[in-house]
């Protein structure tokens, strides 16, 4: 299967939409239902966010890479500017990693869903019964018309 090439602007937009915790397809529907629970599908456009077990690991990878990178760069900057011992730095950076990982995980998970969308692994289920349509969504209105015509 050959995926169509996308412009860098399109890719960055979809990643930004993911960082805003929105559906990568319609850019309206929320990805999360609560703080850490990913919705099964988008309430507006029917995109299924997760198709199999283990897809959440990508969000963990994104969290680890971003958290470790920021902590490492911060460590180097603080080490260059101030004369703190390694123990003093670790007393700050270890709790930073824990708190940052907890706060960033939702965004990393939604960014990973956007990456999966860009690679074709996240898409609509044509046979899935929609439970809710957003009242102002053009996509939802179009889907309603399509459903009524069938």
N, C-alpha and C. Protein backbone atom coordinates (compact mmCIF):
# COMPACT_ATOMS: atom_id res chain seq x y z
N UNK A 1 0.84 -1.17 0.00
CA UNK A 1 0.00 0.00 0.00
C UNK A 1 0.89 1.23 0.00
N UNK A 2 0.71 2.10 -0.96
CA UNK A 2 1.48 3.33 -1.05
C UNK A 2 0.65 4.48 -0.49
N UNK A 3 1.21 5.16 0.48
CA UNK A 3 0.53 6.30 1.06
C UNK A 3 0.81 7.54 0.24
N UNK A 4 -0.20 8.39 0.05
CA UNK A 4 0.04 9.62 -0.69
C UNK A 4 0.95 10.54 0.11
N UNK A 5 1.81 11.25 -0.59
CA UNK A 5 2.70 12.16 0.12
C UNK A 5 1.92 13.40 0.55
N UNK A 6 2.21 13.87 1.72
CA UNK A 6 1.55 15.04 2.30
C UNK A 6 2.57 16.15 2.43
N UNK A 7 2.10 17.37 2.32
CA UNK A 7 3.00 18.50 2.46
C UNK A 7 3.41 18.65 3.93
N UNK A 8 4.57 19.23 4.17
CA UNK A 8 5.00 19.44 5.57
C UNK A 8 4.00 20.30 6.35
N UNK A 9 3.37 21.24 5.67
CA UNK A 9 2.38 22.09 6.34
C UNK A 9 1.18 21.26 6.82
N UNK A 10 0.73 20.33 5.98
CA UNK A 10 -0.38 19.45 6.34
C UNK A 10 0.00 18.57 7.53
N UNK A 11 1.19 18.01 7.50
CA UNK A 11 1.65 17.14 8.59
C UNK A 11 1.74 17.92 9.89
N UNK A 12 2.33 19.11 9.85
CA UNK A 12 2.43 19.93 11.06
C UNK A 12 1.07 20.33 11.59
N UNK A 13 0.13 20.60 10.67
CA UNK A 13 -1.22 20.97 11.10
C UNK A 13 -1.88 19.81 11.84
N UNK A 14 -1.76 18.60 11.30
CA UNK A 14 -2.38 17.45 11.95
C UNK A 14 -1.72 17.16 13.30
N UNK A 15 -0.42 17.34 13.40
CA UNK A 15 0.26 17.16 14.69
C UNK A 15 -0.19 18.23 15.69
N UNK A 16 -0.38 19.46 15.22
CA UNK A 16 -0.85 20.54 16.08
C UNK A 16 -2.27 20.26 16.55
N UNK A 17 -3.12 19.75 15.66
CA UNK A 17 -4.48 19.38 16.04
C UNK A 17 -4.43 18.31 17.13
N UNK A 18 -3.53 17.35 16.99
CA UNK A 18 -3.37 16.34 18.02
C UNK A 18 -2.91 16.94 19.34
N UNK A 19 -1.99 17.86 19.28
CA UNK A 19 -1.51 18.52 20.50
C UNK A 19 -2.63 19.30 21.19
N UNK A 20 -3.63 19.73 20.42
CA UNK A 20 -4.79 20.43 20.98
C UNK A 20 -5.86 19.46 21.46
N UNK A 21 -5.55 18.15 21.41
CA UNK A 21 -6.44 17.09 21.89
C UNK A 21 -7.71 16.98 21.07
N UNK A 22 -7.60 17.21 19.76
CA UNK A 22 -8.74 17.12 18.85
C UNK A 22 -8.55 16.00 17.85
N UNK A 23 -9.64 15.60 17.25
CA UNK A 23 -9.63 14.53 16.25
C UNK A 23 -8.84 14.97 15.03
N UNK A 24 -7.94 14.14 14.52
CA UNK A 24 -7.15 14.54 13.36
C UNK A 24 -7.95 14.60 12.05
N UNK A 25 -9.09 13.93 11.99
CA UNK A 25 -9.91 13.94 10.77
C UNK A 25 -10.74 15.21 10.66
N UNK A 26 -11.62 15.44 11.63
CA UNK A 26 -12.54 16.59 11.55
C UNK A 26 -12.00 17.82 12.28
N UNK A 27 -11.02 17.65 13.13
CA UNK A 27 -10.40 18.72 13.91
C UNK A 27 -11.38 19.38 14.88
N UNK A 28 -12.49 18.70 15.19
CA UNK A 28 -13.50 19.24 16.09
C UNK A 28 -13.66 18.36 17.33
N UNK A 29 -13.84 17.08 17.10
CA UNK A 29 -14.15 16.16 18.19
C UNK A 29 -13.02 15.98 19.17
N UNK A 30 -13.34 15.85 20.45
CA UNK A 30 -12.31 15.61 21.46
C UNK A 30 -11.80 14.18 21.39
N UNK A 31 -10.52 14.00 21.67
CA UNK A 31 -9.91 12.68 21.68
C UNK A 31 -10.17 11.99 23.02
N UNK A 32 -10.22 12.76 24.09
CA UNK A 32 -10.33 12.17 25.43
C UNK A 32 -11.73 12.33 26.01
N UNK A 33 -12.11 11.35 26.78
CA UNK A 33 -13.34 11.36 27.56
C UNK A 33 -12.91 11.26 29.01
N UNK A 34 -12.68 12.37 29.64
CA UNK A 34 -12.09 12.39 30.97
C UNK A 34 -10.62 12.76 30.86
N UNK A 35 -9.88 12.48 31.93
CA UNK A 35 -8.49 12.91 31.94
C UNK A 35 -7.56 11.97 31.17
N UNK A 36 -7.70 10.67 31.35
CA UNK A 36 -6.78 9.74 30.71
C UNK A 36 -7.46 8.73 29.79
N UNK A 37 -8.76 8.77 29.68
CA UNK A 37 -9.49 7.78 28.89
C UNK A 37 -9.70 8.28 27.47
N UNK A 38 -9.13 7.56 26.50
CA UNK A 38 -9.29 7.91 25.09
C UNK A 38 -10.66 7.40 24.64
N UNK A 39 -11.38 8.26 23.92
CA UNK A 39 -12.67 7.83 23.37
C UNK A 39 -12.45 6.72 22.36
N UNK A 40 -13.45 5.90 22.20
CA UNK A 40 -13.35 4.83 21.22
C UNK A 40 -13.37 5.41 19.80
N UNK A 41 -14.29 6.34 19.57
CA UNK A 41 -14.40 6.99 18.27
C UNK A 41 -14.67 8.47 18.46
N UNK A 42 -14.49 9.23 17.40
CA UNK A 42 -14.82 10.66 17.43
C UNK A 42 -16.33 10.82 17.39
N UNK A 43 -16.90 11.65 18.26
CA UNK A 43 -18.35 11.81 18.26
C UNK A 43 -18.87 12.57 17.03
N UNK A 44 -18.00 13.21 16.27
CA UNK A 44 -18.43 13.98 15.11
C UNK A 44 -18.27 13.22 13.80
N UNK A 45 -17.13 12.57 13.61
CA UNK A 45 -16.84 12.02 12.28
C UNK A 45 -16.63 10.51 12.25
N UNK A 46 -16.76 9.85 13.39
CA UNK A 46 -16.68 8.39 13.45
C UNK A 46 -15.29 7.80 13.28
N UNK A 47 -14.26 8.57 13.37
CA UNK A 47 -12.91 8.02 13.27
C UNK A 47 -12.64 7.19 14.52
N UNK A 48 -12.18 5.96 14.31
CA UNK A 48 -11.83 5.09 15.44
C UNK A 48 -10.38 5.37 15.79
N UNK A 49 -10.15 5.77 17.05
CA UNK A 49 -8.82 6.19 17.48
C UNK A 49 -7.87 5.03 17.70
N UNK A 50 -8.35 3.94 18.25
CA UNK A 50 -7.48 2.80 18.53
C UNK A 50 -8.07 1.55 17.92
N UNK A 51 -7.28 0.82 17.19
CA UNK A 51 -7.75 -0.39 16.54
C UNK A 51 -7.25 -1.65 17.22
N UNK A 52 -6.17 -1.56 17.95
CA UNK A 52 -5.64 -2.76 18.58
C UNK A 52 -4.94 -2.45 19.89
N UNK A 53 -4.70 -3.50 20.62
CA UNK A 53 -3.98 -3.35 21.89
C UNK A 53 -2.54 -2.94 21.61
N UNK A 54 -2.02 -2.09 22.43
CA UNK A 54 -0.62 -1.69 22.30
C UNK A 54 -0.39 -0.40 21.55
N UNK A 55 -1.45 0.20 21.02
CA UNK A 55 -1.25 1.45 20.28
C UNK A 55 -0.92 2.62 21.20
N UNK A 56 -1.20 2.48 22.48
CA UNK A 56 -0.89 3.55 23.43
C UNK A 56 0.61 3.65 23.70
N UNK A 57 1.36 2.63 23.32
CA UNK A 57 2.81 2.64 23.57
C UNK A 57 3.46 3.80 22.82
N UNK A 58 2.95 4.15 21.66
CA UNK A 58 3.51 5.27 20.91
C UNK A 58 3.42 6.58 21.68
N UNK A 59 2.31 6.78 22.40
CA UNK A 59 2.17 7.97 23.24
C UNK A 59 3.19 7.98 24.36
N UNK A 60 3.48 6.81 24.88
CA UNK A 60 4.50 6.71 25.93
C UNK A 60 5.87 7.04 25.35
N UNK A 61 6.15 6.56 24.15
CA UNK A 61 7.43 6.90 23.50
C UNK A 61 7.57 8.40 23.30
N UNK A 62 6.51 9.04 22.83
CA UNK A 62 6.56 10.50 22.63
C UNK A 62 6.81 11.19 23.95
N UNK A 63 6.12 10.77 25.00
CA UNK A 63 6.30 11.37 26.33
C UNK A 63 7.74 11.22 26.80
N UNK A 64 8.30 10.03 26.68
CA UNK A 64 9.66 9.79 27.14
C UNK A 64 10.66 10.63 26.36
N UNK A 65 10.53 10.68 25.06
CA UNK A 65 11.48 11.45 24.24
C UNK A 65 11.43 12.93 24.59
N UNK A 66 10.23 13.50 24.69
CA UNK A 66 10.12 14.93 24.98
C UNK A 66 10.57 15.22 26.42
N UNK A 67 10.15 14.41 27.37
CA UNK A 67 10.53 14.64 28.77
C UNK A 67 12.03 14.52 28.97
N UNK A 68 12.62 13.47 28.43
CA UNK A 68 14.06 13.28 28.60
C UNK A 68 14.86 14.37 27.87
N UNK A 69 14.40 14.78 26.71
CA UNK A 69 15.11 15.83 25.97
C UNK A 69 15.08 17.15 26.72
N UNK A 70 13.89 17.53 27.22
CA UNK A 70 13.81 18.80 27.94
C UNK A 70 14.61 18.74 29.24
N UNK A 71 14.58 17.61 29.94
CA UNK A 71 15.35 17.49 31.18
C UNK A 71 16.84 17.53 30.91
N UNK A 72 17.28 16.87 29.86
CA UNK A 72 18.71 16.85 29.52
C UNK A 72 19.19 18.24 29.13
N UNK A 73 18.44 18.92 28.28
CA UNK A 73 18.83 20.29 27.89
C UNK A 73 18.80 21.23 29.10
N UNK A 74 17.77 21.10 29.92
CA UNK A 74 17.71 21.91 31.13
C UNK A 74 18.87 21.64 32.06
N UNK A 75 19.22 20.39 32.21
CA UNK A 75 20.36 20.01 33.04
C UNK A 75 21.64 20.67 32.53
N UNK A 76 21.87 20.61 31.22
CA UNK A 76 23.08 21.21 30.65
C UNK A 76 23.10 22.73 30.83
N UNK A 77 21.96 23.37 30.63
CA UNK A 77 21.89 24.83 30.77
C UNK A 77 22.14 25.24 32.22
N UNK A 78 21.49 24.56 33.17
CA UNK A 78 21.68 24.88 34.59
C UNK A 78 23.11 24.60 35.01
N UNK A 79 23.69 23.52 34.51
CA UNK A 79 25.07 23.18 34.85
C UNK A 79 26.05 24.23 34.31
N UNK A 80 25.77 24.78 33.13
CA UNK A 80 26.65 25.78 32.55
C UNK A 80 26.50 27.14 33.24
N UNK A 81 25.30 27.48 33.69
CA UNK A 81 25.05 28.81 34.26
C UNK A 81 25.27 28.89 35.77
N UNK A 82 25.03 27.80 36.48
CA UNK A 82 25.11 27.82 37.93
C UNK A 82 26.06 26.73 38.41
N UNK A 83 26.53 26.88 39.62
CA UNK A 83 27.45 25.88 40.16
C UNK A 83 26.71 24.97 41.14
N UNK A 84 25.74 24.24 40.63
CA UNK A 84 24.99 23.29 41.46
C UNK A 84 25.62 21.91 41.33
N UNK A 85 25.58 21.17 42.43
CA UNK A 85 26.11 19.80 42.38
C UNK A 85 25.13 18.90 41.61
N UNK A 86 25.60 17.73 41.26
CA UNK A 86 24.77 16.77 40.55
C UNK A 86 23.57 16.37 41.40
N UNK A 87 23.79 16.18 42.70
CA UNK A 87 22.70 15.79 43.61
C UNK A 87 21.63 16.87 43.66
N UNK A 88 22.05 18.14 43.74
CA UNK A 88 21.07 19.23 43.75
C UNK A 88 20.28 19.27 42.45
N UNK A 89 20.95 19.06 41.35
CA UNK A 89 20.25 19.04 40.07
C UNK A 89 19.27 17.88 40.00
N UNK A 90 19.71 16.70 40.44
CA UNK A 90 18.82 15.54 40.39
C UNK A 90 17.60 15.73 41.29
N UNK A 91 17.77 16.45 42.39
CA UNK A 91 16.64 16.73 43.28
C UNK A 91 15.57 17.56 42.57
N UNK A 92 15.95 18.31 41.57
CA UNK A 92 14.98 19.07 40.79
C UNK A 92 14.49 18.28 39.57
N UNK A 93 15.41 17.67 38.83
CA UNK A 93 15.06 17.09 37.53
C UNK A 93 14.28 15.79 37.63
N UNK A 94 14.48 15.00 38.65
CA UNK A 94 13.71 13.76 38.79
C UNK A 94 12.23 14.06 39.04
N UNK A 95 11.88 14.93 40.01
CA UNK A 95 10.46 15.29 40.15
C UNK A 95 9.91 15.99 38.90
N UNK A 96 10.75 16.78 38.24
CA UNK A 96 10.32 17.43 36.99
C UNK A 96 9.88 16.38 35.97
N UNK A 97 10.68 15.33 35.82
CA UNK A 97 10.34 14.28 34.85
C UNK A 97 9.01 13.60 35.19
N UNK A 98 8.79 13.34 36.46
CA UNK A 98 7.55 12.69 36.87
C UNK A 98 6.35 13.59 36.60
N UNK A 99 6.43 14.84 37.02
CA UNK A 99 5.32 15.77 36.84
C UNK A 99 5.10 16.07 35.36
N UNK A 100 6.16 16.33 34.63
CA UNK A 100 6.03 16.62 33.20
C UNK A 100 5.40 15.46 32.45
N UNK A 101 5.84 14.24 32.76
CA UNK A 101 5.29 13.06 32.08
C UNK A 101 3.80 12.90 32.35
N UNK A 102 3.39 13.17 33.57
CA UNK A 102 1.97 13.06 33.91
C UNK A 102 1.15 14.13 33.20
N UNK A 103 1.67 15.34 33.12
CA UNK A 103 0.92 16.43 32.50
C UNK A 103 0.95 16.36 30.97
N UNK A 104 2.00 15.84 30.40
CA UNK A 104 2.17 15.83 28.94
C UNK A 104 1.59 14.58 28.29
N UNK A 105 1.27 13.56 29.06
CA UNK A 105 0.87 12.29 28.48
C UNK A 105 -0.35 12.41 27.58
N UNK A 106 -1.37 13.16 27.98
CA UNK A 106 -2.57 13.32 27.14
C UNK A 106 -2.20 13.91 25.78
N UNK A 107 -1.35 14.91 25.80
CA UNK A 107 -0.96 15.55 24.54
C UNK A 107 -0.13 14.60 23.68
N UNK A 108 0.77 13.86 24.33
CA UNK A 108 1.60 12.91 23.58
C UNK A 108 0.74 11.81 22.97
N UNK A 109 -0.24 11.35 23.71
CA UNK A 109 -1.13 10.30 23.20
C UNK A 109 -1.93 10.80 22.01
N UNK A 110 -2.44 12.04 22.09
CA UNK A 110 -3.20 12.60 20.97
C UNK A 110 -2.29 12.88 19.77
N UNK A 111 -1.06 13.29 20.02
CA UNK A 111 -0.10 13.48 18.92
C UNK A 111 0.17 12.14 18.26
N UNK A 112 0.30 11.08 19.05
CA UNK A 112 0.53 9.76 18.47
C UNK A 112 -0.68 9.31 17.64
N UNK A 113 -1.88 9.63 18.08
CA UNK A 113 -3.07 9.32 17.28
C UNK A 113 -3.01 10.08 15.96
N UNK A 114 -2.51 11.31 15.98
CA UNK A 114 -2.34 12.06 14.73
C UNK A 114 -1.30 11.41 13.82
N UNK A 115 -0.23 10.91 14.41
CA UNK A 115 0.78 10.20 13.62
C UNK A 115 0.16 8.96 12.98
N UNK A 116 -0.62 8.23 13.75
CA UNK A 116 -1.29 7.05 13.20
C UNK A 116 -2.27 7.45 12.10
N UNK A 117 -2.94 8.57 12.27
CA UNK A 117 -3.85 9.07 11.22
C UNK A 117 -3.07 9.39 9.94
N UNK A 118 -1.93 10.03 10.09
CA UNK A 118 -1.12 10.39 8.92
C UNK A 118 -0.60 9.16 8.19
N UNK A 119 -0.40 8.07 8.90
CA UNK A 119 0.09 6.85 8.26
C UNK A 119 -1.04 5.95 7.78
N UNK A 120 -2.27 6.34 8.03
CA UNK A 120 -3.41 5.57 7.55
C UNK A 120 -3.95 4.55 8.53
N UNK A 121 -3.46 4.52 9.76
CA UNK A 121 -3.91 3.54 10.74
C UNK A 121 -5.14 3.99 11.52
N UNK A 122 -5.50 5.26 11.42
CA UNK A 122 -6.70 5.79 12.07
C UNK A 122 -7.63 6.28 10.97
N UNK A 123 -8.84 5.70 10.92
CA UNK A 123 -9.78 6.06 9.86
C UNK A 123 -11.20 5.75 10.34
N UNK A 124 -12.17 6.15 9.54
CA UNK A 124 -13.57 5.94 9.88
C UNK A 124 -13.96 4.48 9.73
N UNK A 125 -14.88 4.08 10.57
CA UNK A 125 -15.49 2.77 10.42
C UNK A 125 -16.82 2.98 9.70
N UNK A 126 -16.97 2.49 8.50
CA UNK A 126 -18.22 2.73 7.79
C UNK A 126 -19.42 2.03 8.42
N UNK A 127 -19.20 0.97 9.18
CA UNK A 127 -20.31 0.23 9.78
C UNK A 127 -20.58 0.60 11.23
N UNK A 128 -19.89 1.58 11.76
CA UNK A 128 -20.05 1.96 13.16
C UNK A 128 -21.28 2.86 13.31
N UNK A 129 -22.13 2.59 14.27
CA UNK A 129 -23.32 3.39 14.51
C UNK A 129 -22.94 4.65 15.27
N UNK A 130 -23.27 5.80 14.70
CA UNK A 130 -22.95 7.07 15.35
C UNK A 130 -23.92 7.34 16.49
N UNK A 131 -23.38 7.80 17.60
CA UNK A 131 -24.22 8.10 18.76
C UNK A 131 -24.55 9.58 18.85
N UNK A 132 -23.70 10.43 18.27
CA UNK A 132 -23.89 11.86 18.45
C UNK A 132 -23.34 12.61 17.25
N UNK A 133 -24.05 13.61 16.83
CA UNK A 133 -23.57 14.51 15.79
C UNK A 133 -23.45 15.89 16.39
N UNK A 134 -22.35 16.55 16.15
CA UNK A 134 -22.21 17.93 16.59
C UNK A 134 -23.16 18.81 15.79
N UNK A 135 -23.88 19.70 16.42
CA UNK A 135 -24.91 20.47 15.73
C UNK A 135 -24.36 21.44 14.68
N UNK A 136 -23.11 21.87 14.81
CA UNK A 136 -22.60 22.86 13.87
C UNK A 136 -21.58 22.32 12.90
N UNK A 137 -21.30 21.07 12.98
CA UNK A 137 -20.26 20.49 12.15
C UNK A 137 -20.77 20.27 10.72
N UNK A 138 -20.07 20.85 9.75
CA UNK A 138 -20.44 20.63 8.35
C UNK A 138 -20.27 19.17 7.99
N UNK A 139 -19.23 18.56 8.52
CA UNK A 139 -19.00 17.15 8.26
C UNK A 139 -20.14 16.31 8.84
N UNK A 140 -20.61 16.67 10.03
CA UNK A 140 -21.72 15.94 10.64
C UNK A 140 -23.00 16.13 9.82
N UNK A 141 -23.23 17.35 9.32
CA UNK A 141 -24.40 17.59 8.49
C UNK A 141 -24.34 16.80 7.19
N UNK A 142 -23.15 16.74 6.58
CA UNK A 142 -22.98 15.97 5.36
C UNK A 142 -23.22 14.49 5.62
N UNK A 143 -22.70 13.99 6.74
CA UNK A 143 -22.91 12.58 7.10
C UNK A 143 -24.37 12.29 7.34
N UNK A 144 -25.09 13.23 7.97
CA UNK A 144 -26.52 13.05 8.19
C UNK A 144 -27.27 12.92 6.87
N UNK A 145 -26.92 13.79 5.90
CA UNK A 145 -27.57 13.73 4.59
C UNK A 145 -27.27 12.40 3.91
N UNK A 146 -26.03 11.94 4.01
CA UNK A 146 -25.68 10.66 3.41
C UNK A 146 -26.45 9.51 4.06
N UNK A 147 -26.61 9.56 5.38
CA UNK A 147 -27.34 8.50 6.07
C UNK A 147 -28.82 8.50 5.70
N UNK A 148 -29.39 9.70 5.53
CA UNK A 148 -30.81 9.80 5.18
C UNK A 148 -31.06 9.34 3.76
N UNK A 149 -30.09 9.49 2.88
CA UNK A 149 -30.30 9.13 1.48
C UNK A 149 -30.18 7.61 1.25
N UNK A 150 -29.63 6.92 2.21
CA UNK A 150 -29.42 5.46 2.05
C UNK A 150 -30.67 4.69 2.35
